[in-house]
Amino acid sequence: MAIPLLDYSPTSQNQRVTGFEVFGDEQPRVYSTDNLLSATDMDNLIEAAYRQIFFHAFAADREKYLESQLRSGQITVRDFIRGLLLSNTYKRSFYDLNSNYRYVEQTVQRVLGRDIYNQREKIAWSIVVATKGSKGFIDDLLNSEEYLEAFGYDTVPYQRRRVLPGRSEGELPFNIKSPRYDDYYRGKLGFPQVIWQTTVRTYVPQDKQPKAGNPALFLDMARGIGPKVNPPQRIAASNIDYMTSVPYRRK
């Protein structure tokens, strides 16, 4: 028998602050199937979903079958997000390399678009992971009232209200605030690594690099040539016999 979700009290965060939304460059762009006008818009929506869940998806990490179903209208955006969360890439990158607490924190950030309220919420969802597994935890998040009210079935999750009007700086993005690996696994994998370089590397733009026939290409070769010449004679002026050295006409 699964233990019901423990009660936790929400704290005041940006996404719970109501107010007039002033859109700008730092405001998240909302991707939804309600306003798709072309195939390019669908491509952008899929890329936004990958960025939200994986932060970056390599060619081997892409779920081609789910993409095909989403393009043909067989599944909703919510189903596509569920497929990414249950994929081997997400399991290998987040579930296998983190504790339940950290796995809950990173998944809530990506799915609900907000930070964990407090330690009690982290413990409550960790119990769900322990009793229902990762699949049951993800299903409970996607079926929660908060997710359906914020994103519904057709909108890609995003970090909600990261920037508030009147503040000089907004909240840090989740991928910067919560890196993929915790301290234990970062030490186990041997990073971050500090590499000291003894030589200073320089970069020359392509338009400033010498072309074929430029004398600068032969400068090193010219410097490498060491011609052997006879050294000049060093004779003091007092030792020169001017009378015999200067030619003159003999009678």
C-alpha atoms as a PDB file:
ATOM      1  CA  MET A   1       0.000   0.000   0.000  1.00  0.00           C
ATOM      2  CA  ALA A   2       1.456   3.327  -1.071  1.00  0.00           C
ATOM      3  CA  ILE A   3       1.820   6.057   1.521  1.00  0.00           C
ATOM      4  CA  PRO A   4      -0.228   9.172   0.616  1.00  0.00           C
ATOM      5  CA  LEU A   5       1.604  12.383  -0.094  1.00  0.00           C
ATOM      6  CA  LEU A   6       2.493  14.223   3.101  1.00  0.00           C
ATOM      7  CA  ASP A   7       1.171  17.709   3.633  1.00  0.00           C
ATOM      8  CA  TYR A   8       3.593  20.608   3.185  1.00  0.00           C
ATOM      9  CA  SER A   9       3.018  24.329   3.402  1.00  0.00           C
ATOM     10  CA  PRO A  10       3.881  26.413   0.312  1.00  0.00           C
ATOM     11  CA  THR A  11       6.213  29.339   0.845  1.00  0.00           C
ATOM     12  CA  SER A  12       6.194  32.663  -0.947  1.00  0.00           C
ATOM     13  CA  GLN A  13       8.015  32.282  -4.261  1.00  0.00           C
ATOM     14  CA  ASN A  14       7.984  34.246  -7.470  1.00  0.00           C
ATOM     15  CA  GLN A  15       5.472  32.011  -9.214  1.00  0.00           C
ATOM     16  CA  ARG A  16       2.978  32.570  -6.361  1.00  0.00           C
ATOM     17  CA  VAL A  17       3.204  36.368  -6.614  1.00  0.00           C
ATOM     18  CA  THR A  18       0.349  37.831  -8.640  1.00  0.00           C
ATOM     19  CA  GLY A  19       0.862  40.961 -10.658  1.00  0.00           C
ATOM     20  CA  PHE A  20       0.926  42.508 -14.084  1.00  0.00           C
ATOM     21  CA  GLU A  21       3.329  40.655 -16.358  1.00  0.00           C
ATOM     22  CA  VAL A  22       5.792  42.891 -18.210  1.00  0.00           C
ATOM     23  CA  PHE A  23       7.332  40.937 -21.059  1.00  0.00           C
ATOM     24  CA  GLY A  24      10.975  41.439 -21.967  1.00  0.00           C
ATOM     25  CA  ASP A  25      14.047  39.626 -23.238  1.00  0.00           C
ATOM     26  CA  GLU A  26      14.445  37.668 -19.990  1.00  0.00           C
ATOM     27  CA  GLN A  27      10.853  36.492 -19.868  1.00  0.00           C
ATOM     28  CA  PRO A  28      10.419  32.841 -20.868  1.00  0.00           C
ATOM     29  CA  ARG A  29       8.808  32.154 -24.197  1.00  0.00           C
ATOM     30  CA  VAL A  30       5.728  29.965 -23.935  1.00  0.00           C
ATOM     31  CA  TYR A  31       5.581  27.061 -26.395  1.00  0.00           C
ATOM     32  CA  SER A  32       2.171  25.519 -26.880  1.00  0.00           C
ATOM     33  CA  THR A  33       0.380  23.529 -29.579  1.00  0.00           C
ATOM     34  CA  ASP A  34      -2.521  25.980 -29.356  1.00  0.00           C
ATOM     35  CA  ASN A  35      -0.691  28.581 -31.455  1.00  0.00           C
ATOM     36  CA  LEU A  36       1.327  26.488 -33.916  1.00  0.00           C
ATOM     37  CA  LEU A  37       1.337  27.995 -37.400  1.00  0.00           C
ATOM     38  CA  SER A  38       3.945  25.936 -39.262  1.00  0.00           C
ATOM     39  CA  ALA A  39       6.205  22.900 -38.999  1.00  0.00           C
ATOM     40  CA  THR A  40       9.010  25.176 -37.810  1.00  0.00           C
ATOM     41  CA  ASP A  41       6.939  26.125 -34.769  1.00  0.00           C
ATOM     42  CA  MET A  42       6.617  22.431 -33.902  1.00  0.00           C
ATOM     43  CA  ASP A  43      10.393  22.025 -34.224  1.00  0.00           C
ATOM     44  CA  ASN A  44      10.909  24.933 -31.832  1.00  0.00           C
ATOM     45  CA  LEU A  45       8.422  23.431 -29.376  1.00  0.00           C
ATOM     46  CA  ILE A  46      10.252  20.091 -29.392  1.00  0.00           C
ATOM     47  CA  GLU A  47      13.606  21.797 -28.888  1.00  0.00           C
ATOM     48  CA  ALA A  48      12.156  23.793 -25.972  1.00  0.00           C
ATOM     49  CA  ALA A  49      10.962  20.538 -24.372  1.00  0.00           C
ATOM     50  CA  TYR A  50      14.430  19.018 -24.692  1.00  0.00           C
ATOM     51  CA  ARG A  51      16.028  22.117 -23.172  1.00  0.00           C
ATOM     52  CA  GLN A  52      13.602  22.092 -20.267  1.00  0.00           C
ATOM     53  CA  ILE A  53      14.080  18.416 -19.386  1.00  0.00           C
ATOM     54  CA  PHE A  54      17.605  17.553 -20.593  1.00  0.00           C
ATOM     55  CA  PHE A  55      19.021  21.112 -20.871  1.00  0.00           C
ATOM     56  CA  HIS A  56      20.707  19.835 -24.028  1.00  0.00           C
ATOM     57  CA  ALA A  57      19.920  16.784 -26.149  1.00  0.00           C
ATOM     58  CA  PHE A  58      22.528  15.126 -28.330  1.00  0.00           C
ATOM     59  CA  ALA A  59      21.523  13.151 -31.392  1.00  0.00           C
ATOM     60  CA  ALA A  60      21.677   9.902 -29.395  1.00  0.00           C
ATOM     61  CA  ASP A  61      19.422  11.344 -26.678  1.00  0.00           C
ATOM     62  CA  ARG A  62      16.523  12.304 -28.920  1.00  0.00           C
ATOM     63  CA  GLU A  63      13.302  10.310 -28.773  1.00  0.00           C
ATOM     64  CA  LYS A  64      12.368  10.013 -32.445  1.00  0.00           C
ATOM     65  CA  TYR A  65       9.306   7.845 -31.791  1.00  0.00           C
ATOM     66  CA  LEU A  66       7.829  10.349 -29.343  1.00  0.00           C
ATOM     67  CA  GLU A  67       8.595  13.214 -31.712  1.00  0.00           C
ATOM     68  CA  SER A  68       6.753  11.427 -34.521  1.00  0.00           C
ATOM     69  CA  GLN A  69       3.724  10.834 -32.312  1.00  0.00           C
ATOM     70  CA  LEU A  70       3.649  14.457 -31.208  1.00  0.00           C
ATOM     71  CA  ARG A  71       3.909  15.763 -34.764  1.00  0.00           C
ATOM     72  CA  SER A  72       1.048  13.554 -35.912  1.00  0.00           C
ATOM     73  CA  GLY A  73      -1.170  14.543 -32.975  1.00  0.00           C
ATOM     74  CA  GLN A  74      -1.273  11.084 -31.391  1.00  0.00           C
ATOM     75  CA  ILE A  75       0.018  12.388 -28.035  1.00  0.00           C
ATOM     76  CA  THR A  76      -0.130  15.711 -26.243  1.00  0.00           C
ATOM     77  CA  VAL A  77       2.755  17.861 -25.048  1.00  0.00           C
ATOM     78  CA  ARG A  78       2.171  16.520 -21.548  1.00  0.00           C
ATOM     79  CA  ASP A  79       2.602  12.964 -22.841  1.00  0.00           C
ATOM     80  CA  PHE A  80       5.783  14.003 -24.643  1.00  0.00           C
ATOM     81  CA  ILE A  81       7.191  15.482 -21.435  1.00  0.00           C
ATOM     82  CA  ARG A  82       6.286  12.257 -19.610  1.00  0.00           C
ATOM     83  CA  GLY A  83       8.145  10.217 -22.225  1.00  0.00           C
ATOM     84  CA  LEU A  84      11.275  12.352 -21.812  1.00  0.00           C
ATOM     85  CA  LEU A  85      11.152  12.004 -18.024  1.00  0.00           C
ATOM     86  CA  LEU A  86      10.840   8.221 -18.301  1.00  0.00           C
ATOM     87  CA  SER A  87      13.547   7.894 -20.965  1.00  0.00           C
ATOM     88  CA  ASN A  88      16.857   6.174 -20.385  1.00  0.00           C
ATOM     89  CA  THR A  89      18.671   9.477 -20.850  1.00  0.00           C
ATOM     90  CA  TYR A  90      16.874  11.167 -17.961  1.00  0.00           C
ATOM     91  CA  LYS A  91      17.161   8.078 -15.776  1.00  0.00           C
ATOM     92  CA  ARG A  92      20.862   7.707 -16.490  1.00  0.00           C
ATOM     93  CA  SER A  93      21.628  11.408 -16.094  1.00  0.00           C
ATOM     94  CA  PHE A  94      19.537  12.313 -13.037  1.00  0.00           C
ATOM     95  CA  TYR A  95      18.021   9.302 -11.261  1.00  0.00           C
ATOM     96  CA  ASP A  96      21.062   7.016 -11.278  1.00  0.00           C
ATOM     97  CA  LEU A  97      23.564   9.691 -10.263  1.00  0.00           C
ATOM     98  CA  ASN A  98      21.684  11.417  -7.453  1.00  0.00           C
ATOM     99  CA  SER A  99      19.928  10.663  -4.204  1.00  0.00           C
ATOM    100  CA  ASN A 100      16.127  10.640  -4.018  1.00  0.00           C
ATOM    101  CA  TYR A 101      16.124  14.090  -2.430  1.00  0.00           C
ATOM    102  CA  ARG A 102      18.180  15.636  -5.191  1.00  0.00           C
ATOM    103  CA  TYR A 103      16.293  13.729  -7.886  1.00  0.00           C
ATOM    104  CA  VAL A 104      13.022  15.122  -6.508  1.00  0.00           C
ATOM    105  CA  GLU A 105      14.424  18.654  -6.406  1.00  0.00           C
ATOM    106  CA  GLN A 106      15.621  18.613 -10.012  1.00  0.00           C
ATOM    107  CA  THR A 107      12.473  16.947 -11.353  1.00  0.00           C
ATOM    108  CA  VAL A 108      10.145  19.390  -9.584  1.00  0.00           C
ATOM    109  CA  GLN A 109      12.145  22.281 -11.010  1.00  0.00           C
ATOM    110  CA  ARG A 110      11.813  20.966 -14.541  1.00  0.00           C
ATOM    111  CA  VAL A 111       8.204  19.773 -14.371  1.00  0.00           C
ATOM    112  CA  LEU A 112       6.522  22.364 -12.155  1.00  0.00           C
ATOM    113  CA  GLY A 113       8.811  25.252 -13.099  1.00  0.00           C
ATOM    114  CA  ARG A 114       9.627  26.267  -9.525  1.00  0.00           C
ATOM    115  CA  ASP A 115      11.947  25.470  -6.628  1.00  0.00           C
ATOM    116  CA  ILE A 116      11.147  23.090  -3.798  1.00  0.00           C
ATOM    117  CA  TYR A 117       9.187  24.940  -1.144  1.00  0.00           C
ATOM    118  CA  ASN A 118      10.949  23.444   1.857  1.00  0.00           C
ATOM    119  CA  GLN A 119      12.557  20.304   3.215  1.00  0.00           C
ATOM    120  CA  ARG A 120       9.180  18.794   4.073  1.00  0.00           C
ATOM    121  CA  GLU A 121       8.081  18.861   0.432  1.00  0.00           C
ATOM    122  CA  LYS A 122      11.338  17.220  -0.589  1.00  0.00           C
ATOM    123  CA  ILE A 123      10.784  14.460   1.969  1.00  0.00           C
ATOM    124  CA  ALA A 124       7.155  14.031   0.904  1.00  0.00           C
ATOM    125  CA  TRP A 125       8.018  13.474  -2.766  1.00  0.00           C
ATOM    126  CA  SER A 126      10.993  11.297  -1.824  1.00  0.00           C
ATOM    127  CA  ILE A 127       8.592   8.951  -0.051  1.00  0.00           C
ATOM    128  CA  VAL A 128       6.583   8.764  -3.277  1.00  0.00           C
ATOM    129  CA  VAL A 129       9.746   7.815  -5.177  1.00  0.00           C
ATOM    130  CA  ALA A 130      10.556   5.136  -2.599  1.00  0.00           C
ATOM    131  CA  THR A 131       7.069   3.615  -2.615  1.00  0.00           C
ATOM    132  CA  LYS A 132       5.852   4.109  -6.193  1.00  0.00           C
ATOM    133  CA  GLY A 133       9.139   4.318  -8.020  1.00  0.00           C
ATOM    134  CA  SER A 134      10.266   6.924 -10.513  1.00  0.00           C
ATOM    135  CA  LYS A 135       7.327   6.259 -12.844  1.00  0.00           C
ATOM    136  CA  GLY A 136       4.727   6.747 -10.105  1.00  0.00           C
ATOM    137  CA  PHE A 137       6.451   9.929  -8.931  1.00  0.00           C
ATOM    138  CA  ILE A 138       6.452  11.438 -12.435  1.00  0.00           C
ATOM    139  CA  ASP A 139       2.821  10.482 -13.003  1.00  0.00           C
ATOM    140  CA  ASP A 140       1.793  12.130  -9.727  1.00  0.00           C
ATOM    141  CA  LEU A 141       3.615  15.331 -10.722  1.00  0.00           C
ATOM    142  CA  LEU A 142       2.025  15.454 -14.174  1.00  0.00           C
ATOM    143  CA  ASN A 143      -1.419  14.678 -12.742  1.00  0.00           C
ATOM    144  CA  SER A 144      -1.119  17.249  -9.967  1.00  0.00           C
ATOM    145  CA  GLU A 145      -3.459  20.212  -9.878  1.00  0.00           C
ATOM    146  CA  GLU A 146      -0.528  22.611  -9.921  1.00  0.00           C
ATOM    147  CA  TYR A 147       0.866  21.242 -13.197  1.00  0.00           C
ATOM    148  CA  LEU A 148      -2.499  21.091 -14.949  1.00  0.00           C
ATOM    149  CA  GLU A 149      -3.354  24.619 -13.866  1.00  0.00           C
ATOM    150  CA  ALA A 150       0.025  26.072 -14.880  1.00  0.00           C
ATOM    151  CA  PHE A 151       0.719  24.201 -18.123  1.00  0.00           C
ATOM    152  CA  GLY A 152      -2.205  21.933 -18.955  1.00  0.00           C
ATOM    153  CA  TYR A 153      -1.902  19.342 -21.711  1.00  0.00           C
ATOM    154  CA  ASP A 154      -0.516  21.516 -24.528  1.00  0.00           C
ATOM    155  CA  THR A 155       2.193  23.765 -23.023  1.00  0.00           C
ATOM    156  CA  VAL A 156       5.869  22.975 -22.468  1.00  0.00           C
ATOM    157  CA  PRO A 157       6.854  23.586 -18.809  1.00  0.00           C
ATOM    158  CA  TYR A 158       9.111  26.568 -18.147  1.00  0.00           C
ATOM    159  CA  GLN A 159      10.573  28.385 -15.160  1.00  0.00           C
ATOM    160  CA  ARG A 160       7.662  30.500 -14.003  1.00  0.00           C
ATOM    161  CA  ARG A 161       8.147  34.173 -13.173  1.00  0.00           C
ATOM    162  CA  ARG A 162      11.922  34.027 -12.932  1.00  0.00           C
ATOM    163  CA  VAL A 163      12.031  37.799 -13.291  1.00  0.00           C
ATOM    164  CA  LEU A 164       9.756  40.153 -11.358  1.00  0.00           C
ATOM    165  CA  PRO A 165       9.213  43.797 -12.339  1.00  0.00           C
ATOM    166  CA  GLY A 166      11.135  46.147 -10.067  1.00  0.00           C
ATOM    167  CA  ARG A 167      14.009  43.732  -9.441  1.00  0.00           C
ATOM    168  CA  SER A 168      17.405  44.266 -10.998  1.00  0.00           C
ATOM    169  CA  GLU A 169      18.121  40.522 -11.139  1.00  0.00           C
ATOM    170  CA  GLY A 170      15.873  37.512 -11.387  1.00  0.00           C
ATOM    171  CA  GLU A 171      16.230  33.992 -10.084  1.00  0.00           C
ATOM    172  CA  LEU A 172      19.027  31.892 -11.471  1.00  0.00           C
ATOM    173  CA  PRO A 173      18.083  29.319 -14.119  1.00  0.00           C
ATOM    174  CA  PHE A 174      17.650  25.813 -12.786  1.00  0.00           C
ATOM    175  CA  ASN A 175      20.531  24.330 -14.770  1.00  0.00           C
ATOM    176  CA  ILE A 176      22.923  26.837 -13.137  1.00  0.00           C
ATOM    177  CA  LYS A 177      21.417  26.692  -9.656  1.00  0.00           C
ATOM    178  CA  SER A 178      21.149  22.895  -9.540  1.00  0.00           C
ATOM    179  CA  PRO A 179      23.882  21.166 -11.566  1.00  0.00           C
ATOM    180  CA  ARG A 180      23.275  17.615 -12.713  1.00  0.00           C
ATOM    181  CA  TYR A 181      25.702  15.967 -10.259  1.00  0.00           C
ATOM    182  CA  ASP A 182      25.949  16.603  -6.528  1.00  0.00           C
ATOM    183  CA  ASP A 183      29.198  16.966  -4.567  1.00  0.00           C
ATOM    184  CA  TYR A 184      29.620  13.213  -4.040  1.00  0.00           C
ATOM    185  CA  TYR A 185      29.392  12.283  -7.713  1.00  0.00           C
ATOM    186  CA  ARG A 186      31.400  15.312  -8.834  1.00  0.00           C
ATOM    187  CA  GLY A 187      34.237  14.112  -6.625  1.00  0.00           C
ATOM    188  CA  LYS A 188      33.780  10.524  -7.763  1.00  0.00           C
ATOM    189  CA  LEU A 189      33.906  11.488 -11.429  1.00  0.00           C
ATOM    190  CA  GLY A 190      36.924  13.700 -10.838  1.00  0.00           C
ATOM    191  CA  PHE A 191      35.631  17.116 -11.747  1.00  0.00           C
ATOM    192  CA  PRO A 192      35.805  20.039 -11.719  1.00  0.00           C
ATOM    193  CA  GLN A 193      39.421  19.773 -12.851  1.00  0.00           C
ATOM    194  CA  VAL A 194      41.892  22.624 -12.745  1.00  0.00           C
ATOM    195  CA  ILE A 195      44.338  22.532 -15.649  1.00  0.00           C
ATOM    196  CA  TRP A 196      47.306  24.893 -15.596  1.00  0.00           C
ATOM    197  CA  GLN A 197      48.796  25.826 -18.927  1.00  0.00           C
ATOM    198  CA  THR A 198      52.410  26.873 -19.217  1.00  0.00           C
ATOM    199  CA  THR A 199      51.955  28.387 -22.666  1.00  0.00           C
ATOM    200  CA  VAL A 200      49.608  31.184 -23.594  1.00  0.00           C
ATOM    201  CA  ARG A 201      47.427  30.336 -26.574  1.00  0.00           C
ATOM    202  CA  THR A 202      46.511  33.073 -28.980  1.00  0.00           C
ATOM    203  CA  TYR A 203      43.796  33.207 -31.563  1.00  0.00           C
ATOM    204  CA  VAL A 204      44.116  35.006 -34.886  1.00  0.00           C
ATOM    205  CA  PRO A 205      40.862  35.687 -36.765  1.00  0.00           C
ATOM    206  CA  GLN A 206      40.586  34.079 -40.157  1.00  0.00           C
ATOM    207  CA  ASP A 207      40.430  37.392 -41.982  1.00  0.00           C
ATOM    208  CA  LYS A 208      43.743  38.428 -40.390  1.00  0.00           C
ATOM    209  CA  GLN A 209      45.630  35.224 -41.124  1.00  0.00           C
ATOM    210  CA  PRO A 210      48.300  35.618 -43.884  1.00  0.00           C
ATOM    211  CA  LYS A 211      47.290  34.386 -47.308  1.00  0.00           C
ATOM    212  CA  ALA A 212      49.400  32.493 -49.843  1.00  0.00           C
ATOM    213  CA  GLY A 213      52.247  34.672 -51.127  1.00  0.00           C
ATOM    214  CA  ASN A 214      52.325  36.907 -48.061  1.00  0.00           C
ATOM    215  CA  PRO A 215      55.963  37.691 -47.034  1.00  0.00           C
ATOM    216  CA  ALA A 216      55.014  36.966 -43.424  1.00  0.00           C
ATOM    217  CA  LEU A 217      54.806  33.266 -44.273  1.00  0.00           C
ATOM    218  CA  PHE A 218      58.519  33.285 -45.246  1.00  0.00           C
ATOM    219  CA  LEU A 219      59.697  35.362 -42.297  1.00  0.00           C
ATOM    220  CA  ASP A 220      60.574  32.370 -40.127  1.00  0.00           C
ATOM    221  CA  MET A 221      62.386  30.725 -43.040  1.00  0.00           C
ATOM    222  CA  ALA A 222      64.408  33.858 -43.663  1.00  0.00           C
ATOM    223  CA  ARG A 223      65.334  34.092 -40.012  1.00  0.00           C
ATOM    224  CA  GLY A 224      66.475  30.474 -40.052  1.00  0.00           C
ATOM    225  CA  ILE A 225      69.030  31.086 -42.796  1.00  0.00           C
ATOM    226  CA  GLY A 226      72.526  31.626 -41.386  1.00  0.00           C
ATOM    227  CA  PRO A 227      74.798  32.718 -44.264  1.00  0.00           C
ATOM    228  CA  LYS A 228      78.548  32.375 -43.754  1.00  0.00           C
ATOM    229  CA  VAL A 229      80.442  35.544 -44.749  1.00  0.00           C
ATOM    230  CA  ASN A 230      84.005  36.679 -44.259  1.00  0.00           C
ATOM    231  CA  PRO A 231      84.348  38.955 -41.258  1.00  0.00           C
ATOM    232  CA  PRO A 232      85.648  42.496 -42.010  1.00  0.00           C
ATOM    233  CA  GLN A 233      89.311  43.227 -41.342  1.00  0.00           C
ATOM    234  CA  ARG A 234      90.045  45.340 -38.322  1.00  0.00           C
ATOM    235  CA  ILE A 235      93.193  47.438 -38.899  1.00  0.00           C
ATOM    236  CA  ALA A 236      94.156  50.469 -36.884  1.00  0.00           C
ATOM    237  CA  ALA A 237      94.561  53.730 -38.784  1.00  0.00           C
ATOM    238  CA  SER A 238      98.134  54.169 -37.458  1.00  0.00           C
ATOM    239  CA  ASN A 239      99.248  50.964 -39.120  1.00  0.00           C
ATOM    240  CA  ILE A 240      98.142  51.956 -42.643  1.00  0.00           C
ATOM    241  CA  ASP A 241     100.883  53.198 -45.008  1.00  0.00           C
ATOM    242  CA  TYR A 242      99.016  55.747 -47.074  1.00  0.00           C
ATOM    243  CA  MET A 243     102.007  56.586 -49.300  1.00  0.00           C
ATOM    244  CA  THR A 244     102.349  53.082 -50.620  1.00  0.00           C
ATOM    245  CA  SER A 245      98.671  52.217 -50.584  1.00  0.00           C
ATOM    246  CA  VAL A 246      97.494  55.137 -52.730  1.00  0.00           C
ATOM    247  CA  PRO A 247      98.163  54.441 -56.407  1.00  0.00           C
ATOM    248  CA  TYR A 248     100.037  57.110 -58.378  1.00  0.00           C
ATOM    249  CA  ARG A 249     101.494  57.504 -61.835  1.00  0.00           C
ATOM    250  CA  ARG A 250     105.174  56.691 -62.070  1.00  0.00           C
ATOM    251  CA  LYS A 251     107.402  58.741 -64.295  1.00  0.00           C
END
